[in-house]
Structure formats: structure tokens, C-alpha cells
Amino acid sequence: MDERRKLRRHRTLKGGSIRFSRAGGIDCRVRNLSSAGACLEVASQAGIPDEFVLVIDYDRLAQPCHVVWRTPTRLGVEFRA
């Protein structure tokens, strides 16, 4: 499989939250991370929109994201400015 990422991602395992409304969010695990995007692991894709904010409390990060690819339990996201 050809690598299409612009920047190398670093493997990690951090807790995060997918936030897309004021009502709360969906818990996720951040599997890899770069300054351009991330791979997120979720229990289910149900209800996750294409645009949301990824919050990683440990890193004090709140980053707008756009979903680039999906599998039943993982999302590839690109960070937006």
C-alpha cells in the first residue's frame, strides 16, 4: 500500500473526544497523530459527522477536523485551520 500522507504520523494511544454539538461528544482513542491529522478509533461510526472538533485533554488540543476515510471502528481525519 502506498503512503499518501504529507507528514509522517507518530504512533500513540491517547484518550480523546469527538465533539460536534454542545450536548457532548463521543469518546475515541487517538492511534496516531501528526500536525496534519490523526487516526481515531471508535466503538461505532453511528452519528459521527464529516466535520467535528477533536479534543485531547492531555495535550490541551481542540482541533477542527474533516473525515478523510472511515472503517467500521476507525476514522482518518485531516486537521483544518
Protein backbone atom coordinates (compact mmCIF):
# COMPACT_ATOMS: atom_id res chain seq x y z
CA MET A 1 0.00 0.00 0.00
CA ASP A 2 1.38 3.41 -0.96
CA GLU A 3 1.78 6.05 1.73
CA ARG A 4 -0.23 9.13 0.74
CA ARG A 5 0.23 11.25 3.85
CA LYS A 6 2.13 14.52 3.54
CA LEU A 7 3.60 14.25 7.05
CA ARG A 8 4.73 11.19 9.00
CA ARG A 9 2.38 10.24 11.81
CA HIS A 10 3.59 9.15 15.21
CA ARG A 11 2.00 6.15 16.91
CA THR A 12 0.25 6.98 20.13
CA LEU A 13 -2.57 5.81 22.35
CA LYS A 14 -4.36 8.77 23.91
CA GLY A 15 -7.92 9.32 25.00
CA GLY A 16 -9.89 11.87 23.05
CA SER A 17 -13.36 13.13 22.38
CA ILE A 18 -15.19 13.84 19.12
CA ARG A 19 -17.28 16.97 19.71
CA PHE A 20 -19.87 18.14 17.22
CA SER A 21 -22.59 19.67 19.36
CA ARG A 22 -22.91 21.44 22.68
CA ALA A 23 -24.60 18.37 24.12
CA GLY A 24 -21.35 16.42 24.49
CA GLY A 25 -19.22 14.12 22.43
CA ILE A 26 -18.17 10.60 21.54
CA ASP A 27 -15.14 9.06 23.22
CA CYS A 28 -12.32 7.89 20.97
CA ARG A 29 -8.73 6.67 21.09
CA VAL A 30 -6.07 8.53 19.11
CA ARG A 31 -3.98 5.80 17.43
CA ASN A 32 -1.58 8.04 15.52
CA LEU A 33 -1.06 11.76 15.24
CA SER A 34 0.77 14.41 13.20
CA SER A 35 0.41 18.16 12.82
CA ALA A 36 -1.81 17.49 9.76
CA GLY A 37 -4.16 14.74 11.01
CA ALA A 38 -4.86 11.64 13.06
CA CYS A 39 -6.30 8.14 13.12
CA LEU A 40 -9.11 7.74 15.64
CA GLU A 41 -10.58 4.52 16.98
CA VAL A 42 -14.26 4.48 17.99
CA ALA A 43 -16.74 1.87 19.19
CA SER A 44 -19.11 2.76 16.34
CA GLN A 45 -19.33 5.20 13.44
CA ALA A 46 -23.01 5.84 14.12
CA GLY A 47 -23.77 9.54 14.39
CA ILE A 48 -20.28 10.86 13.66
CA PRO A 49 -20.46 13.68 11.08
CA ASP A 50 -17.79 14.52 8.48
CA GLU A 51 -16.82 17.71 10.34
CA PHE A 52 -16.14 17.90 14.10
CA VAL A 53 -13.67 19.07 16.75
CA LEU A 54 -11.17 16.58 18.16
CA VAL A 55 -10.41 17.26 21.82
CA ILE A 56 -7.40 15.69 23.54
CA ASP A 57 -7.42 16.96 27.12
CA TYR A 58 -3.94 15.61 27.92
CA ASP A 59 -2.41 17.74 25.13
CA ARG A 60 -4.83 20.65 25.64
CA LEU A 61 -5.81 20.27 22.00
CA ALA A 62 -9.12 21.27 20.41
CA GLN A 63 -8.67 20.88 16.67
CA PRO A 64 -11.33 21.18 13.93
CA CYS A 65 -11.26 18.05 11.71
CA HIS A 66 -12.59 16.71 8.44
CA VAL A 67 -13.02 12.94 7.94
CA VAL A 68 -10.92 11.64 5.03
CA TRP A 69 -11.65 7.90 5.37
CA ARG A 70 -13.73 5.54 7.53
CA THR A 71 -13.83 1.88 8.54
CA PRO A 72 -16.36 0.39 10.98
CA THR A 73 -14.18 1.29 14.00
CA ARG A 74 -11.62 3.84 12.73
CA LEU A 75 -11.56 7.33 11.20
CA GLY A 76 -8.78 9.10 9.36
CA VAL A 77 -9.04 12.85 9.89
CA GLU A 78 -7.34 15.89 8.44
CA PHE A 79 -6.94 18.93 10.67
CA ARG A 80 -8.48 22.21 9.49
CA ALA A 81 -7.08 25.66 10.15
